PDB file of all heavy atoms in Angstrom:
ATOM      1  N   GLU A   1      -0.356-169.682-137.477  1.00  0.00           N
ATOM      2  CA  GLU A   1       0.731-170.001-138.465  1.00  0.00           C
ATOM      3  C   GLU A   1       1.778-168.891-138.477  1.00  0.00           C
ATOM      4  O   GLU A   1       2.912-169.139-138.639  1.00  0.00           O
ATOM      5  CB  GLU A   1       0.062-170.318-139.888  1.00  0.00           C
ATOM      6  CG  GLU A   1      -0.766-171.523-139.953  1.00  0.00           C
ATOM      7  CD  GLU A   1      -2.154-171.389-139.238  1.00  0.00           C
ATOM      8  OE1 GLU A   1      -2.728-170.344-139.256  1.00  0.00           O
ATOM      9  OE2 GLU A   1      -2.649-172.529-138.802  1.00  0.00           O
ATOM     10  N   GLN A   2       1.184-167.576-138.431  1.00  0.00           N
ATOM     11  CA  GLN A   2       2.032-166.510-138.484  1.00  0.00           C
ATOM     12  C   GLN A   2       2.890-166.415-137.199  1.00  0.00           C
ATOM     13  O   GLN A   2       4.016-166.058-137.180  1.00  0.00           O
ATOM     14  CB  GLN A   2       1.238-165.186-138.558  1.00  0.00           C
ATOM     15  CG  GLN A   2       0.531-165.004-139.999  1.00  0.00           C
ATOM     16  CD  GLN A   2      -0.381-163.937-139.945  1.00  0.00           C
ATOM     17  OE1 GLN A   2      -1.138-163.564-138.930  1.00  0.00           O
ATOM     18  NE2 GLN A   2      -0.588-163.362-141.228  1.00  0.00           N
ATOM     19  N   LEU A   3       2.344-166.799-136.056  1.00  0.00           N
ATOM     20  CA  LEU A   3       3.022-166.797-134.677  1.00  0.00           C
ATOM     21  C   LEU A   3       4.154-167.801-134.812  1.00  0.00           C
ATOM     22  O   LEU A   3       5.183-167.549-134.177  1.00  0.00           O
ATOM     23  CB  LEU A   3       2.052-167.154-133.651  1.00  0.00           C
ATOM     24  CG  LEU A   3       1.156-166.036-133.302  1.00  0.00           C
ATOM     25  CD1 LEU A   3       0.045-166.688-132.245  1.00  0.00           C
ATOM     26  CD2 LEU A   3       1.791-164.776-132.772  1.00  0.00           C
ATOM     27  N   GLY A   4       4.002-168.988-135.481  1.00  0.00           N
ATOM     28  CA  GLY A   4       4.978-169.998-135.448  1.00  0.00           C
ATOM     29  C   GLY A   4       6.010-169.936-136.564  1.00  0.00           C
ATOM     30  O   GLY A   4       6.987-170.692-136.484  1.00  0.00           O
ATOM     31  N   TRP A   5       5.748-169.034-137.560  1.00  0.00           N
ATOM     32  CA  TRP A   5       6.680-169.016-138.596  1.00  0.00           C
ATOM     33  C   TRP A   5       8.054-168.633-138.255  1.00  0.00           C
ATOM     34  O   TRP A   5       8.223-167.655-137.572  1.00  0.00           O
ATOM     35  CB  TRP A   5       6.069-168.008-139.691  1.00  0.00           C
ATOM     36  CG  TRP A   5       7.016-167.841-140.860  1.00  0.00           C
ATOM     37  CD1 TRP A   5       7.192-168.603-141.995  1.00  0.00           C
ATOM     38  CD2 TRP A   5       7.662-166.684-141.254  1.00  0.00           C
ATOM     39  NE1 TRP A   5       8.021-168.190-142.842  1.00  0.00           N
ATOM     40  CE2 TRP A   5       8.306-166.930-142.553  1.00  0.00           C
ATOM     41  CE3 TRP A   5       7.923-165.367-140.541  1.00  0.00           C
ATOM     42  CZ2 TRP A   5       9.108-165.969-143.100  1.00  0.00           C
ATOM     43  CZ3 TRP A   5       8.767-164.441-141.164  1.00  0.00           C
ATOM     44  CH2 TRP A   5       9.410-164.734-142.421  1.00  0.00           C
ATOM     45  N   ILE A   6       9.052-169.430-138.707  1.00  0.00           N
ATOM     46  CA  ILE A   6      10.453-169.045-138.363  1.00  0.00           C
ATOM     47  C   ILE A   6      10.963-168.215-139.561  1.00  0.00           C
ATOM     48  O   ILE A   6      11.147-168.592-140.564  1.00  0.00           O
ATOM     49  CB  ILE A   6      11.395-170.442-138.234  1.00  0.00           C
ATOM     50  CG1 ILE A   6      10.729-171.292-137.247  1.00  0.00           C
ATOM     51  CG2 ILE A   6      12.783-170.004-137.953  1.00  0.00           C
ATOM     52  CD1 ILE A   6      10.736-170.895-135.863  1.00  0.00           C
ATOM     53  N   PRO A   7      11.441-166.924-139.134  1.00  0.00           N
ATOM     54  CA  PRO A   7      12.013-166.009-140.162  1.00  0.00           C
ATOM     55  C   PRO A   7      13.265-166.540-140.581  1.00  0.00           C
ATOM     56  O   PRO A   7      13.941-167.193-139.829  1.00  0.00           O
ATOM     57  CB  PRO A   7      11.848-164.662-139.532  1.00  0.00           C
ATOM     58  CG  PRO A   7      11.937-164.993-138.094  1.00  0.00           C
ATOM     59  CD  PRO A   7      11.211-166.330-137.852  1.00  0.00           C
ATOM     60  N   PRO A   8      13.819-165.968-141.762  1.00  0.00           N
ATOM     61  CA  PRO A   8      15.210-166.243-142.048  1.00  0.00           C
ATOM     62  C   PRO A   8      16.186-165.588-141.133  1.00  0.00           C
ATOM     63  O   PRO A   8      15.815-164.728-140.449  1.00  0.00           O
ATOM     64  CB  PRO A   8      15.260-165.796-143.480  1.00  0.00           C
ATOM     65  CG  PRO A   8      14.162-164.690-143.686  1.00  0.00           C
ATOM     66  CD  PRO A   8      13.113-165.200-142.745  1.00  0.00           C
ATOM     67  N   GLY A   9      17.418-166.101-141.201  1.00  0.00           N
ATOM     68  CA  GLY A   9      18.346-165.529-140.346  1.00  0.00           C
ATOM     69  C   GLY A   9      18.240-165.930-138.919  1.00  0.00           C
ATOM     70  O   GLY A   9      17.746-167.059-138.508  1.00  0.00           O
ATOM     71  N   ILE A  10      18.438-165.021-138.016  1.00  0.00           N
ATOM     72  CA  ILE A  10      18.363-165.327-136.638  1.00  0.00           C
ATOM     73  C   ILE A  10      17.190-164.549-135.927  1.00  0.00           C
ATOM     74  O   ILE A  10      17.248-164.411-134.707  1.00  0.00           O
ATOM     75  CB  ILE A  10      19.677-165.055-135.896  1.00  0.00           C
ATOM     76  CG1 ILE A  10      20.165-163.465-136.010  1.00  0.00           C
ATOM     77  CG2 ILE A  10      20.850-165.914-136.331  1.00  0.00           C
ATOM     78  CD1 ILE A  10      21.343-163.110-135.124  1.00  0.00           C
ATOM     79  N   ALA A  11      16.369-163.896-136.745  1.00  0.00           N
ATOM     80  CA  ALA A  11      15.186-163.182-136.115  1.00  0.00           C
ATOM     81  C   ALA A  11      14.413-164.166-135.490  1.00  0.00           C
ATOM     82  O   ALA A  11      14.220-165.343-135.735  1.00  0.00           O
ATOM     83  CB  ALA A  11      14.480-162.423-137.300  1.00  0.00           C
ATOM     84  N   ASN A  12      13.632-163.797-134.537  1.00  0.00           N
ATOM     85  CA  ASN A  12      12.826-164.565-133.624  1.00  0.00           C
ATOM     86  C   ASN A  12      11.375-164.520-134.263  1.00  0.00           C
ATOM     87  O   ASN A  12      10.925-163.662-134.814  1.00  0.00           O
ATOM     88  CB  ASN A  12      12.695-164.076-132.259  1.00  0.00           C
ATOM     89  CG  ASN A  12      13.955-164.267-131.596  1.00  0.00           C
ATOM     90  OD1 ASN A  12      14.634-165.200-131.620  1.00  0.00           O
ATOM     91  ND2 ASN A  12      14.410-163.244-130.870  1.00  0.00           N
ATOM     92  N   PRO A  13      10.639-165.706-134.115  1.00  0.00           N
ATOM     93  CA  PRO A  13       9.291-165.788-134.479  1.00  0.00           C
ATOM     94  C   PRO A  13       8.311-164.909-133.797  1.00  0.00           C
ATOM     95  O   PRO A  13       8.489-164.405-132.675  1.00  0.00           O
ATOM     96  CB  PRO A  13       8.822-167.297-134.152  1.00  0.00           C
ATOM     97  CG  PRO A  13      10.086-167.941-133.940  1.00  0.00           C
ATOM     98  CD  PRO A  13      11.175-166.921-133.360  1.00  0.00           C
ATOM     99  N   ALA A  14       7.206-164.539-134.538  1.00  0.00           N
ATOM    100  CA  ALA A  14       6.250-163.512-133.952  1.00  0.00           C
ATOM    101  C   ALA A  14       5.667-164.066-132.618  1.00  0.00           C
ATOM    102  O   ALA A  14       5.407-163.299-131.702  1.00  0.00           O
ATOM    103  CB  ALA A  14       5.079-163.361-134.858  1.00  0.00           C
ATOM    104  N   GLY A  15       5.405-165.229-132.385  1.00  0.00           N
ATOM    105  CA  GLY A  15       4.927-165.884-131.175  1.00  0.00           C
ATOM    106  C   GLY A  15       5.846-165.580-129.925  1.00  0.00           C
ATOM    107  O   GLY A  15       5.429-165.179-128.953  1.00  0.00           O
ATOM    108  N   ALA A  16       7.182-165.650-130.272  1.00  0.00           N
ATOM    109  CA  ALA A  16       8.112-165.467-129.245  1.00  0.00           C
ATOM    110  C   ALA A  16       8.165-163.941-128.873  1.00  0.00           C
ATOM    111  O   ALA A  16       8.238-163.501-127.736  1.00  0.00           O
ATOM    112  CB  ALA A  16       9.454-165.850-129.624  1.00  0.00           C
ATOM    113  N   ILE A  17       8.075-163.065-129.843  1.00  0.00           N
ATOM    114  CA  ILE A  17       8.124-161.623-129.721  1.00  0.00           C
ATOM    115  C   ILE A  17       6.912-161.180-128.856  1.00  0.00           C
ATOM    116  O   ILE A  17       6.943-160.377-127.880  1.00  0.00           O
ATOM    117  CB  ILE A  17       8.087-160.915-130.988  1.00  0.00           C
ATOM    118  CG1 ILE A  17       9.362-161.268-131.883  1.00  0.00           C
ATOM    119  CG2 ILE A  17       7.900-159.434-130.845  1.00  0.00           C
ATOM    120  CD1 ILE A  17      10.655-160.812-131.244  1.00  0.00           C
ATOM    121  N   LEU A  18       5.650-161.785-129.254  1.00  0.00           N
ATOM    122  CA  LEU A  18       4.460-161.344-128.569  1.00  0.00           C
ATOM    123  C   LEU A  18       4.485-161.878-127.193  1.00  0.00           C
ATOM    124  O   LEU A  18       4.149-161.132-126.208  1.00  0.00           O
ATOM    125  CB  LEU A  18       3.250-161.995-129.322  1.00  0.00           C
ATOM    126  CG  LEU A  18       1.780-161.612-128.830  1.00  0.00           C
ATOM    127  CD1 LEU A  18       1.788-160.086-128.669  1.00  0.00           C
ATOM    128  CD2 LEU A  18       0.849-162.203-129.689  1.00  0.00           C
ATOM    129  N   ALA A  19       4.888-163.233-126.873  1.00  0.00           N
ATOM    130  CA  ALA A  19       5.099-163.684-125.550  1.00  0.00           C
ATOM    131  C   ALA A  19       5.908-162.940-124.720  1.00  0.00           C
ATOM    132  O   ALA A  19       5.769-162.547-123.528  1.00  0.00           O
ATOM    133  CB  ALA A  19       5.482-165.078-125.560  1.00  0.00           C
ATOM    134  N   HIS A  20       7.138-162.440-125.240  1.00  0.00           N
ATOM    135  CA  HIS A  20       8.196-161.760-124.643  1.00  0.00           C
ATOM    136  C   HIS A  20       7.648-160.366-124.280  1.00  0.00           C
ATOM    137  O   HIS A  20       7.894-159.889-123.169  1.00  0.00           O
ATOM    138  CB  HIS A  20       9.416-161.473-125.533  1.00  0.00           C
ATOM    139  CG  HIS A  20      10.444-160.628-124.994  1.00  0.00           C
ATOM    140  ND1 HIS A  20      11.093-160.879-123.688  1.00  0.00           N
ATOM    141  CD2 HIS A  20      10.804-159.301-125.479  1.00  0.00           C
ATOM    142  CE1 HIS A  20      11.996-159.788-123.554  1.00  0.00           C
ATOM    143  NE2 HIS A  20      11.757-158.941-124.534  1.00  0.00           N
ATOM    144  N   ALA A  21       6.860-159.708-125.050  1.00  0.00           N
ATOM    145  CA  ALA A  21       6.360-158.461-124.861  1.00  0.00           C
ATOM    146  C   ALA A  21       5.408-158.481-123.624  1.00  0.00           C
ATOM    147  O   ALA A  21       5.464-157.573-122.583  1.00  0.00           O
ATOM    148  CB  ALA A  21       5.591-157.811-126.074  1.00  0.00           C
ATOM    149  N   VAL A  22       4.611-159.312-123.538  1.00  0.00           N
ATOM    150  CA  VAL A  22       3.496-159.455-122.450  1.00  0.00           C
ATOM    151  C   VAL A  22       4.172-159.921-121.177  1.00  0.00           C
ATOM    152  O   VAL A  22       3.973-159.400-120.080  1.00  0.00           O
ATOM    153  CB  VAL A  22       2.291-160.156-122.887  1.00  0.00           C
ATOM    154  CG1 VAL A  22       1.316-160.369-121.711  1.00  0.00           C
ATOM    155  CG2 VAL A  22       1.582-159.509-124.121  1.00  0.00           C
ATOM    156  N   CYS A  23       4.871-161.106-121.359  1.00  0.00           N
ATOM    157  CA  CYS A  23       5.630-161.674-120.139  1.00  0.00           C
ATOM    158  C   CYS A  23       6.570-160.651-119.497  1.00  0.00           C
ATOM    159  O   CYS A  23       6.781-160.594-118.330  1.00  0.00           O
ATOM    160  CB  CYS A  23       6.215-163.015-120.461  1.00  0.00           C
ATOM    161  SG  CYS A  23       5.073-164.210-120.753  1.00  0.00           S
ATOM    162  N   GLY A  24       7.311-159.958-120.366  1.00  0.00           N
ATOM    163  CA  GLY A  24       8.153-158.849-119.968  1.00  0.00           C
ATOM    164  C   GLY A  24       7.462-157.681-119.251  1.00  0.00           C
ATOM    165  O   GLY A  24       7.887-157.338-118.098  1.00  0.00           O
ATOM    166  N   GLU A  25       6.411-157.283-119.761  1.00  0.00           N
ATOM    167  CA  GLU A  25       5.628-156.167-118.957  1.00  0.00           C
ATOM    168  C   GLU A  25       5.163-156.769-117.625  1.00  0.00           C
ATOM    169  O   GLU A  25       5.216-156.073-116.708  1.00  0.00           O
ATOM    170  CB  GLU A  25       4.523-155.780-119.979  1.00  0.00           C
ATOM    171  CG  GLU A  25       3.757-154.653-119.423  1.00  0.00           C
ATOM    172  CD  GLU A  25       2.827-153.894-120.428  1.00  0.00           C
ATOM    173  OE1 GLU A  25       3.150-154.000-121.590  1.00  0.00           O
ATOM    174  OE2 GLU A  25       1.679-153.552-119.997  1.00  0.00           O
ATOM    175  N   ASP A  26       4.627-158.003-117.651  1.00  0.00           N
ATOM    176  CA  ASP A  26       4.220-158.644-116.427  1.00  0.00           C
ATOM    177  C   ASP A  26       5.321-158.664-115.379  1.00  0.00           C
ATOM    178  O   ASP A  26       5.267-158.206-114.282  1.00  0.00           O
ATOM    179  CB  ASP A  26       3.725-160.016-116.662  1.00  0.00           C
ATOM    180  CG  ASP A  26       3.211-160.779-115.585  1.00  0.00           C
ATOM    181  OD1 ASP A  26       3.119-160.291-114.419  1.00  0.00           O
ATOM    182  OD2 ASP A  26       2.762-161.943-115.784  1.00  0.00           O
ATOM    183  N   SER A  27       6.556-159.049-115.914  1.00  0.00           N
ATOM    184  CA  SER A  27       7.734-159.063-115.055  1.00  0.00           C
ATOM    185  C   SER A  27       8.142-157.751-114.476  1.00  0.00           C
ATOM    186  O   SER A  27       8.517-157.480-113.321  1.00  0.00           O
ATOM    187  CB  SER A  27       8.924-159.800-115.744  1.00  0.00           C
ATOM    188  OG  SER A  27       8.555-161.027-116.056  1.00  0.00           O
ATOM    189  N   PHE A  28       8.219-156.719-115.293  1.00  0.00           N
ATOM    190  CA  PHE A  28       8.579-155.397-115.040  1.00  0.00           C
ATOM    191  C   PHE A  28       7.760-154.766-113.910  1.00  0.00           C
ATOM    192  O   PHE A  28       8.150-154.280-112.859  1.00  0.00           O
ATOM    193  CB  PHE A  28       8.672-154.435-116.210  1.00  0.00           C
ATOM    194  CG  PHE A  28       9.542-154.807-117.341  1.00  0.00           C
ATOM    195  CD1 PHE A  28       9.249-154.575-118.631  1.00  0.00           C
ATOM    196  CD2 PHE A  28      10.862-155.338-116.980  1.00  0.00           C
ATOM    197  CE1 PHE A  28      10.067-154.964-119.747  1.00  0.00           C
ATOM    198  CE2 PHE A  28      11.714-155.656-118.020  1.00  0.00           C
ATOM    199  CZ  PHE A  28      11.444-155.459-119.397  1.00  0.00           C
ATOM    200  N   ILE A  29       6.376-154.973-114.032  1.00  0.00           N
ATOM    201  CA  ILE A  29       5.444-154.509-113.088  1.00  0.00           C
ATOM    202  C   ILE A  29       5.610-155.298-111.885  1.00  0.00           C
ATOM    203  O   ILE A  29       5.566-154.724-110.736  1.00  0.00           O
ATOM    204  CB  ILE A  29       3.957-154.454-113.564  1.00  0.00           C
ATOM    205  CG1 ILE A  29       3.902-153.531-114.719  1.00  0.00           C
ATOM    206  CG2 ILE A  29       3.056-154.107-112.491  1.00  0.00           C
ATOM    207  CD1 ILE A  29       4.249-152.035-114.491  1.00  0.00           C
ATOM    208  N   ALA A  30       5.834-156.498-111.870  1.00  0.00           N
ATOM    209  CA  ALA A  30       6.017-157.323-110.607  1.00  0.00           C
ATOM    210  C   ALA A  30       7.280-156.832-109.853  1.00  0.00           C
ATOM    211  O   ALA A  30       7.326-156.685-108.641  1.00  0.00           O
ATOM    212  CB  ALA A  30       6.233-158.764-111.016  1.00  0.00           C
ATOM    213  N   ILE A  31       8.375-156.534-110.656  1.00  0.00           N
ATOM    214  CA  ILE A  31       9.608-155.891-109.998  1.00  0.00           C
ATOM    215  C   ILE A  31       9.286-154.590-109.292  1.00  0.00           C
ATOM    216  O   ILE A  31       9.637-154.375-108.079  1.00  0.00           O
ATOM    217  CB  ILE A  31      10.672-155.688-111.031  1.00  0.00           C
ATOM    218  CG1 ILE A  31      11.336-156.993-111.545  1.00  0.00           C
ATOM    219  CG2 ILE A  31      11.833-154.820-110.452  1.00  0.00           C
ATOM    220  CD1 ILE A  31      12.144-156.923-112.806  1.00  0.00           C
ATOM    221  N   LEU A  32       8.389-153.785-109.862  1.00  0.00           N
ATOM    222  CA  LEU A  32       8.088-152.425-109.277  1.00  0.00           C
ATOM    223  C   LEU A  32       7.256-152.591-108.082  1.00  0.00           C
ATOM    224  O   LEU A  32       7.287-151.867-107.145  1.00  0.00           O
ATOM    225  CB  LEU A  32       7.361-151.550-110.315  1.00  0.00           C
ATOM    226  CG  LEU A  32       8.417-151.219-111.564  1.00  0.00           C
ATOM    227  CD1 LEU A  32       7.561-150.411-112.612  1.00  0.00           C
ATOM    228  CD2 LEU A  32       9.504-150.392-111.119  1.00  0.00           C
ATOM    229  N   LYS A  33       6.311-153.627-108.216  1.00  0.00           N
ATOM    230  CA  LYS A  33       5.318-153.925-107.087  1.00  0.00           C
ATOM    231  C   LYS A  33       6.009-154.831-106.026  1.00  0.00           C
ATOM    232  O   LYS A  33       5.407-155.111-104.921  1.00  0.00           O
ATOM    233  CB  LYS A  33       4.083-154.570-107.593  1.00  0.00           C
ATOM    234  CG  LYS A  33       3.348-153.762-108.398  1.00  0.00           C
ATOM    235  CD  LYS A  33       2.142-154.527-109.115  1.00  0.00           C
ATOM    236  CE  LYS A  33       1.230-155.171-108.139  1.00  0.00           C
ATOM    237  NZ  LYS A  33       0.121-155.870-108.684  1.00  0.00           N
TER     238      LYS A  33
END
């Protein structure tokens, strides 16, 4: 429920932030490798 909650304004939900953090790290390391 916390992951899917849509905050007011244009802030992103926690689920998107968490997915972005990990998928981004996965992508950055893939670029380096």
